[in-house]
């Protein structure tokens, strides 16, 4: 089996996705704080348009996993190495940060006087459900995909052409569950936190699988180039970006009408446009990543690659930076408020990036905190 081509553009993809993740969290309070003011719509736009962030990371995990493993024999040795790496680089940092955020919660809430048994029960529940802090549910989703991955890989290895149908299969499974969950919830049969279930992200993961299997022939469509424009691909790319922008704007406006006009809209419309926008975002972010990487090894490109390589650590750490940033007193009018929110985004991004990069550089067991770190030469992509 030949060595797979490394795709350095994926680090830029990760960087753009982590920008969106932090934008969601930096503006999370603004929706309640600015409702009824002229600032509400811009902050709502940033918050809701950026909702492609987690689906994009799920897509990227699917892409990287299938890209690396589709041609490998599915042996016990392969699976053993696969799961040992996930334990070391994903689950250990997740457990460490769950404990750290548990301590942060207990301290900020001044609840250390709870019985030891109750605290242990809380921590155990947090670890199992990814609820030690608002962002950790993503790790639980990814762990579910790790459990399902060998079966999915076996299916695609046995019937390679099934990969072409994988996105459709993912959509059908995901929407089948969405419809079932809506019916069951409305009739009082269950109350599920569907956002923490992998099935609600199947379309993204299996889209990643399909693009990984057919990456070689699809690359000329994903990478924007002069040759591509000359060969007639330009209009397709323009339509893709316009439809992507339109889907995101419609999704935002649905929420705007709900917040400001108390419009009663079927939840499936929100779900549908969110799903459509996020799926298109996977293609748009790939194209943008190729464009930025192709611009040359500029300072911006190097920064994006570094941020992308540190993205898992940034993801884990940035809510803590935001937590302490929000303790700072801010006063003033709309301009000062907007500056404070923008400052929170910058502090969460740059502060987390600096800490993660320095720890990876100077602390040998950095993987305990932040998983797999940046490498100078990396023959294959590593999944997050």
Protein backbone atom coordinates (compact mmCIF):
# COMPACT_ATOMS: atom_id res chain seq x y z
CA UNK A 1 0.00 0.00 0.00
CA UNK A 2 1.46 3.36 -1.07
CA UNK A 3 1.89 6.29 1.24
CA UNK A 4 -1.15 8.56 1.27
CA UNK A 5 -0.68 12.15 0.18
CA UNK A 6 -0.65 14.49 3.16
CA UNK A 7 -3.26 17.27 3.00
CA UNK A 8 -1.84 20.27 4.90
CA UNK A 9 -4.87 22.36 3.91
CA UNK A 10 -6.88 20.49 6.54
CA UNK A 11 -5.12 22.43 9.28
CA UNK A 12 -6.48 25.62 7.73
CA UNK A 13 -9.92 23.99 7.65
CA UNK A 14 -9.58 23.29 11.38
CA UNK A 15 -8.53 26.89 12.02
CA UNK A 16 -11.59 28.33 10.24
CA UNK A 17 -13.86 25.90 12.08
CA UNK A 18 -12.38 26.82 15.47
CA UNK A 19 -12.90 30.52 14.64
CA UNK A 20 -16.61 29.71 14.22
CA UNK A 21 -16.74 27.67 17.43
CA UNK A 22 -15.32 30.55 19.45
CA UNK A 23 -17.64 33.03 17.67
CA UNK A 24 -20.64 30.99 18.87
CA UNK A 25 -19.41 30.95 22.45
CA UNK A 26 -18.25 34.59 22.47
CA UNK A 27 -21.72 35.73 21.36
CA UNK A 28 -23.75 33.26 23.42
CA UNK A 29 -24.85 35.90 25.94
CA UNK A 30 -25.44 38.65 23.43
CA UNK A 31 -28.76 37.24 22.20
CA UNK A 32 -30.40 37.75 25.58
CA UNK A 33 -28.52 40.95 26.38
CA UNK A 34 -29.20 42.80 23.10
CA UNK A 35 -32.74 41.61 22.28
CA UNK A 36 -34.82 44.65 21.38
CA UNK A 37 -31.81 46.73 20.36
CA UNK A 38 -30.17 47.48 17.02
CA UNK A 39 -27.23 45.26 17.97
CA UNK A 40 -29.35 42.12 18.22
CA UNK A 41 -29.47 41.22 14.52
CA UNK A 42 -25.69 41.45 13.88
CA UNK A 43 -24.91 39.31 16.92
CA UNK A 44 -27.64 36.85 16.01
CA UNK A 45 -26.14 36.60 12.53
CA UNK A 46 -22.66 35.83 13.88
CA UNK A 47 -24.02 33.27 16.34
CA UNK A 48 -26.38 31.38 14.03
CA UNK A 49 -24.39 31.64 10.80
CA UNK A 50 -21.44 30.08 12.64
CA UNK A 51 -23.46 26.99 13.60
CA UNK A 52 -21.66 25.02 10.89
CA UNK A 53 -18.67 24.76 13.25
CA UNK A 54 -19.29 21.45 15.02
CA UNK A 55 -20.75 19.72 11.92
CA UNK A 56 -17.61 20.78 10.05
CA UNK A 57 -15.39 19.16 12.67
CA UNK A 58 -17.52 15.99 12.50
CA UNK A 59 -17.18 16.01 8.71
CA UNK A 60 -13.42 16.45 9.01
CA UNK A 61 -13.14 13.56 11.46
CA UNK A 62 -15.02 11.33 9.01
CA UNK A 63 -12.82 12.48 6.15
CA UNK A 64 -9.54 11.94 7.98
CA UNK A 65 -10.51 8.55 9.43
CA UNK A 66 -11.64 7.07 6.12
CA UNK A 67 -8.81 8.72 4.18
CA UNK A 68 -6.27 7.05 6.45
CA UNK A 69 -7.94 3.66 6.93
CA UNK A 70 -9.94 2.85 3.79
CA UNK A 71 -7.03 0.92 2.25
CA UNK A 72 -5.73 -0.67 5.45
CA UNK A 73 -6.57 -4.24 6.40
CA UNK A 74 -9.17 -4.26 9.17
CA UNK A 75 -7.17 -6.44 11.54
CA UNK A 76 -7.01 -6.71 15.31
CA UNK A 77 -3.63 -4.96 15.25
CA UNK A 78 -5.05 -2.03 13.26
CA UNK A 79 -8.04 -1.67 15.58
CA UNK A 80 -5.84 -1.98 18.66
CA UNK A 81 -3.62 0.86 17.47
CA UNK A 82 -6.65 2.90 16.43
CA UNK A 83 -8.33 2.70 19.83
CA UNK A 84 -5.12 3.10 21.81
CA UNK A 85 -4.42 6.38 19.98
CA UNK A 86 -7.96 7.60 20.67
CA UNK A 87 -7.60 6.71 24.33
CA UNK A 88 -4.31 8.59 24.64
CA UNK A 89 -5.02 11.62 22.49
CA UNK A 90 -8.79 12.13 22.88
CA UNK A 91 -10.23 10.44 25.96
CA UNK A 92 -7.42 11.26 28.40
CA UNK A 93 -7.49 15.03 27.62
CA UNK A 94 -11.30 14.92 27.72
CA UNK A 95 -11.24 13.35 31.19
CA UNK A 96 -8.64 15.84 32.44
CA UNK A 97 -10.61 18.85 31.18
CA UNK A 98 -13.89 17.44 32.48
CA UNK A 99 -12.28 17.33 35.92
CA UNK A 100 -10.87 20.86 35.53
CA UNK A 101 -14.23 22.29 34.45
CA UNK A 102 -15.93 20.39 37.28
CA UNK A 103 -13.57 22.12 39.72
CA UNK A 104 -14.27 25.47 38.03
CA UNK A 105 -18.03 24.93 38.34
CA UNK A 106 -17.84 23.87 41.96
CA UNK A 107 -15.63 26.82 42.84
CA UNK A 108 -17.67 29.46 40.99
CA UNK A 109 -20.89 28.07 42.41
CA UNK A 110 -19.39 27.71 45.91
CA UNK A 111 -20.78 24.17 46.23
CA UNK A 112 -17.82 22.36 47.78
CA UNK A 113 -19.97 21.70 50.85
CA UNK A 114 -21.90 19.00 48.99
CA UNK A 115 -21.51 15.42 50.26
CA UNK A 116 -18.56 13.61 48.70
CA UNK A 117 -20.84 10.91 47.27
CA UNK A 118 -23.00 13.51 45.52
CA UNK A 119 -19.95 15.24 44.05
CA UNK A 120 -18.61 11.91 42.77
CA UNK A 121 -22.00 11.15 41.21
CA UNK A 122 -22.04 14.57 39.50
CA UNK A 123 -18.54 14.10 38.11
CA UNK A 124 -19.38 10.61 36.86
CA UNK A 125 -22.48 11.90 35.10
CA UNK A 126 -20.50 14.74 33.56
CA UNK A 127 -17.88 12.33 32.21
CA UNK A 128 -20.46 10.00 30.68
CA UNK A 129 -22.59 12.73 29.09
CA UNK A 130 -20.04 15.40 28.19
CA UNK A 131 -21.77 18.00 30.35
CA UNK A 132 -18.93 19.14 32.61
CA UNK A 133 -19.02 22.26 30.45
CA UNK A 134 -21.13 23.39 27.52
CA UNK A 135 -18.71 22.41 24.74
CA UNK A 136 -17.62 18.94 25.85
CA UNK A 137 -20.64 17.17 24.34
CA UNK A 138 -18.69 17.15 21.06
CA UNK A 139 -16.19 14.65 22.48
CA UNK A 140 -19.02 12.28 23.39
CA UNK A 141 -20.28 12.52 19.79
CA UNK A 142 -16.84 11.73 18.41
CA UNK A 143 -16.40 8.79 20.79
CA UNK A 144 -19.68 7.35 19.48
CA UNK A 145 -18.33 7.64 15.94
CA UNK A 146 -15.12 5.88 17.02
CA UNK A 147 -17.23 2.98 18.28
CA UNK A 148 -19.18 2.82 15.01
CA UNK A 149 -16.20 3.44 12.73
CA UNK A 150 -14.94 -0.18 12.33
CA UNK A 151 -18.39 -1.31 11.17
CA UNK A 152 -18.69 1.59 8.72
CA UNK A 153 -15.16 0.97 7.45
CA UNK A 154 -15.85 -2.74 6.98
CA UNK A 155 -18.96 -1.94 4.92
CA UNK A 156 -17.11 0.47 2.62
CA UNK A 157 -14.15 -1.86 2.23
CA UNK A 158 -16.45 -4.73 1.26
CA UNK A 159 -18.50 -2.61 -1.15
CA UNK A 160 -16.36 0.37 -2.18
CA UNK A 161 -19.02 1.86 -4.45
CA UNK A 162 -21.25 2.18 -1.37
CA UNK A 163 -19.17 5.28 -0.55
CA UNK A 164 -20.95 7.16 -3.34
CA UNK A 165 -24.22 6.60 -1.49
CA UNK A 166 -22.83 7.26 1.98
CA UNK A 167 -23.98 10.93 2.22
CA UNK A 168 -27.51 9.98 1.20
CA UNK A 169 -27.52 7.08 3.69
CA UNK A 170 -26.31 9.49 6.37
CA UNK A 171 -29.06 11.98 5.52
CA UNK A 172 -31.76 9.31 5.61
CA UNK A 173 -30.59 7.93 8.96
CA UNK A 174 -30.18 11.40 10.46
CA UNK A 175 -33.55 12.70 9.28
CA UNK A 176 -35.28 9.46 10.14
CA UNK A 177 -34.15 9.99 13.70
CA UNK A 178 -35.01 13.71 13.64
CA UNK A 179 -38.59 12.94 12.58
CA UNK A 180 -38.93 10.05 15.03
CA UNK A 181 -37.55 12.16 17.85
CA UNK A 182 -39.93 15.04 17.08
CA UNK A 183 -42.91 12.67 17.10
CA UNK A 184 -41.85 10.84 20.26
CA UNK A 185 -41.03 14.06 22.12
CA UNK A 186 -44.29 15.77 21.10
CA UNK A 187 -46.27 12.79 22.36
CA UNK A 188 -44.37 12.62 25.63
CA UNK A 189 -42.65 9.28 25.04
CA UNK A 190 -39.14 10.53 25.73
CA UNK A 191 -36.99 13.61 26.26
CA UNK A 192 -33.62 13.13 24.57
CA UNK A 193 -30.71 15.51 24.27
CA UNK A 194 -30.39 14.69 20.58
CA UNK A 195 -27.52 17.13 20.12
CA UNK A 196 -25.27 14.69 22.00
CA UNK A 197 -26.19 11.69 19.83
CA UNK A 198 -24.00 10.84 16.86
CA UNK A 199 -26.98 9.95 14.67
CA UNK A 200 -27.87 13.65 14.47
CA UNK A 201 -24.51 14.20 12.71
CA UNK A 202 -24.48 11.17 10.38
CA UNK A 203 -24.84 13.24 7.20
CA UNK A 204 -21.62 15.13 7.94
CA UNK A 205 -19.56 12.13 9.02
CA UNK A 206 -20.58 10.04 6.00
CA UNK A 207 -20.10 12.98 3.64
CA UNK A 208 -16.54 13.07 4.96
CA UNK A 209 -16.24 9.34 4.29
CA UNK A 210 -17.42 9.72 0.70
CA UNK A 211 -15.06 12.60 -0.06
CA UNK A 212 -12.17 10.68 1.49
CA UNK A 213 -12.77 7.61 -0.68
CA UNK A 214 -13.10 9.69 -3.86
CA UNK A 215 -10.65 12.41 -2.90
CA UNK A 216 -8.28 11.94 -5.83
CA UNK A 217 -10.88 12.53 -8.60
CA UNK A 218 -12.74 15.18 -6.55
CA UNK A 219 -9.65 17.22 -5.70
CA UNK A 220 -9.81 19.21 -8.94
CA UNK A 221 -13.34 20.31 -7.95
CA UNK A 222 -12.42 21.10 -4.35
CA UNK A 223 -9.28 23.08 -5.11
CA UNK A 224 -10.06 26.44 -6.72
CA UNK A 225 -7.48 27.18 -9.41
CA UNK A 226 -6.99 29.11 -12.62
CA UNK A 227 -7.07 25.86 -14.56
CA UNK A 228 -10.39 25.04 -12.96
CA UNK A 229 -11.83 28.40 -13.97
CA UNK A 230 -10.61 27.91 -17.54
CA UNK A 231 -12.18 24.44 -17.70
CA UNK A 232 -15.62 25.76 -16.75
CA UNK A 233 -15.77 24.88 -13.06
CA UNK A 234 -15.96 28.55 -12.02
CA UNK A 235 -19.76 28.94 -12.40
CA UNK A 236 -20.30 25.81 -10.25
CA UNK A 237 -18.10 27.25 -7.51
CA UNK A 238 -19.92 30.60 -7.63
CA UNK A 239 -23.31 28.91 -7.37
CA UNK A 240 -22.06 26.79 -4.45
CA UNK A 241 -20.93 29.85 -2.49
CA UNK A 242 -24.11 31.82 -3.28
CA UNK A 243 -26.39 28.96 -2.23
CA UNK A 244 -24.27 28.45 0.90
CA UNK A 245 -24.63 32.14 1.84
CA UNK A 246 -28.36 32.10 1.08
CA UNK A 247 -28.96 28.99 3.20
CA UNK A 248 -27.11 30.53 6.13
CA UNK A 249 -28.98 33.83 5.83
CA UNK A 250 -32.38 32.11 5.67
CA UNK A 251 -31.46 30.10 8.76
CA UNK A 252 -30.55 33.32 10.59
CA UNK A 253 -33.77 35.07 9.49
CA UNK A 254 -35.90 32.18 10.74
CA UNK A 255 -34.38 32.71 14.18
CA UNK A 256 -34.73 36.49 13.89
CA UNK A 257 -38.47 36.19 13.22
CA UNK A 258 -38.81 33.76 16.09
CA UNK A 259 -37.02 36.06 18.55
CA UNK A 260 -38.47 39.40 17.48
CA UNK A 261 -41.91 38.59 16.07
CA UNK A 262 -42.62 35.50 18.16
CA UNK A 263 -43.33 33.68 14.90
CA UNK A 264 -44.34 30.05 15.36
CA UNK A 265 -42.37 28.07 12.79
CA UNK A 266 -42.14 24.29 12.51
CA UNK A 267 -38.82 23.22 14.04
CA UNK A 268 -38.07 21.14 10.94
CA UNK A 269 -37.44 24.36 9.00
CA UNK A 270 -34.69 25.34 11.44
CA UNK A 271 -33.31 21.81 11.30
CA UNK A 272 -33.44 21.69 7.52
CA UNK A 273 -31.70 24.98 6.77
CA UNK A 274 -29.14 24.37 9.51
CA UNK A 275 -28.33 20.95 8.03
CA UNK A 276 -28.22 22.28 4.45
CA UNK A 277 -25.99 25.21 5.37
CA UNK A 278 -23.62 23.02 7.39
CA UNK A 279 -23.31 20.45 4.58
CA UNK A 280 -22.48 23.18 2.07
CA UNK A 281 -20.06 24.66 4.60
CA UNK A 282 -17.96 21.50 4.43
CA UNK A 283 -17.32 22.15 0.72
CA UNK A 284 -16.89 25.91 1.16
CA UNK A 285 -14.39 25.51 4.01
CA UNK A 286 -12.40 22.99 1.97
CA UNK A 287 -12.26 25.39 -0.97
CA UNK A 288 -11.34 28.31 1.25
CA UNK A 289 -8.62 26.20 2.86
CA UNK A 290 -7.11 25.36 -0.53
CA UNK A 291 -7.30 29.03 -1.56
CA UNK A 292 -5.56 30.26 1.59
CA UNK A 293 -2.90 27.56 1.45
CA UNK A 294 -2.28 28.25 -2.24
CA UNK A 295 -1.67 31.91 -1.51
CA UNK A 296 1.86 30.98 -0.50
CA UNK A 297 3.58 30.45 2.81
CA UNK A 298 2.60 33.88 4.06
CA UNK A 299 2.45 34.81 7.73
CA UNK A 300 -1.34 34.38 7.64
CA UNK A 301 -1.04 30.89 6.16
CA UNK A 302 1.54 29.84 8.76
CA UNK A 303 -0.63 31.22 11.57
CA UNK A 304 -3.69 29.38 10.30
CA UNK A 305 -1.78 26.11 10.02
CA UNK A 306 -0.48 26.51 13.58
CA UNK A 307 -3.94 27.35 14.93
CA UNK A 308 -5.38 24.37 13.08
CA UNK A 309 -2.71 22.04 14.45
CA UNK A 310 -3.55 23.28 17.97
CA UNK A 311 -7.32 23.33 17.38
CA UNK A 312 -8.21 20.43 19.69
CA UNK A 313 -6.40 22.06 22.58
CA UNK A 314 -7.94 25.43 21.73
CA UNK A 315 -11.36 23.80 21.67
CA UNK A 316 -10.83 22.34 25.14
CA UNK A 317 -9.32 25.46 26.71
CA UNK A 318 -11.08 28.49 25.20
CA UNK A 319 -14.26 28.42 27.38
CA UNK A 320 -12.08 28.78 30.48
CA UNK A 321 -10.39 31.83 28.95
CA UNK A 322 -13.83 33.29 28.15
CA UNK A 323 -15.02 32.54 31.69
CA UNK A 324 -12.26 34.61 33.27
CA UNK A 325 -12.39 37.29 30.57
CA UNK A 326 -16.05 37.90 31.40
CA UNK A 327 -15.09 38.63 34.99
CA UNK A 328 -13.50 41.87 33.79
CA UNK A 329 -15.69 44.96 34.26
CA UNK A 330 -16.87 46.56 31.02
CA UNK A 331 -18.89 49.76 30.84
CA UNK A 332 -20.12 52.04 28.09
CA UNK A 333 -22.49 52.14 25.16
CA UNK A 334 -22.98 49.96 22.06
CA UNK A 335 -19.47 50.52 20.75
CA UNK A 336 -17.87 49.53 24.06
CA UNK A 337 -20.16 46.49 24.31
CA UNK A 338 -19.30 45.36 20.77
CA UNK A 339 -15.60 45.87 21.48
CA UNK A 340 -15.89 43.78 24.65
CA UNK A 341 -17.51 40.89 22.74
CA UNK A 342 -14.88 41.10 19.99
CA UNK A 343 -12.21 41.23 22.69
CA UNK A 344 -13.63 38.05 24.20
CA UNK A 345 -13.35 36.29 20.86
CA UNK A 346 -9.76 37.45 20.43
CA UNK A 347 -8.78 36.63 24.00
CA UNK A 348 -10.29 33.13 23.77
CA UNK A 349 -8.60 32.43 20.44
CA UNK A 350 -5.18 34.02 20.96
CA UNK A 351 -4.92 33.20 24.65
CA UNK A 352 -5.79 29.54 24.11
CA UNK A 353 -3.55 29.27 21.06
CA UNK A 354 -0.59 30.76 22.90
CA UNK A 355 -1.00 28.46 25.91
CA UNK A 356 -1.49 25.33 23.80
CA UNK A 357 1.41 26.12 21.45
CA UNK A 358 3.81 26.89 24.32
CA UNK A 359 2.86 23.76 26.25
CA UNK A 360 3.31 21.61 23.17
CA UNK A 361 6.71 23.19 22.62
CA UNK A 362 8.10 23.04 26.14
CA UNK A 363 6.17 20.35 28.04
CA UNK A 364 6.88 16.79 26.95
CA UNK A 365 3.67 15.10 28.24
CA UNK A 366 1.49 17.83 26.67
CA UNK A 367 -0.72 15.10 25.17
CA UNK A 368 -2.28 14.58 28.61
CA UNK A 369 -3.88 18.00 28.28
CA UNK A 370 -4.22 18.65 24.57
CA UNK A 371 -3.89 15.37 22.69
CA UNK A 372 -1.83 15.04 19.55
CA UNK A 373 0.29 18.11 18.95
CA UNK A 374 1.75 19.90 15.92
CA UNK A 375 4.43 17.97 14.08
CA UNK A 376 7.04 19.23 11.66
CA UNK A 377 6.69 16.23 9.43
CA UNK A 378 3.50 14.25 9.54
CA UNK A 379 3.05 11.60 6.87
CA UNK A 380 -0.65 11.13 7.60
CA UNK A 381 -3.49 13.16 8.93
CA UNK A 382 -4.65 12.59 12.50
CA UNK A 383 -8.34 12.72 13.33
CA UNK A 384 -9.86 14.94 15.98
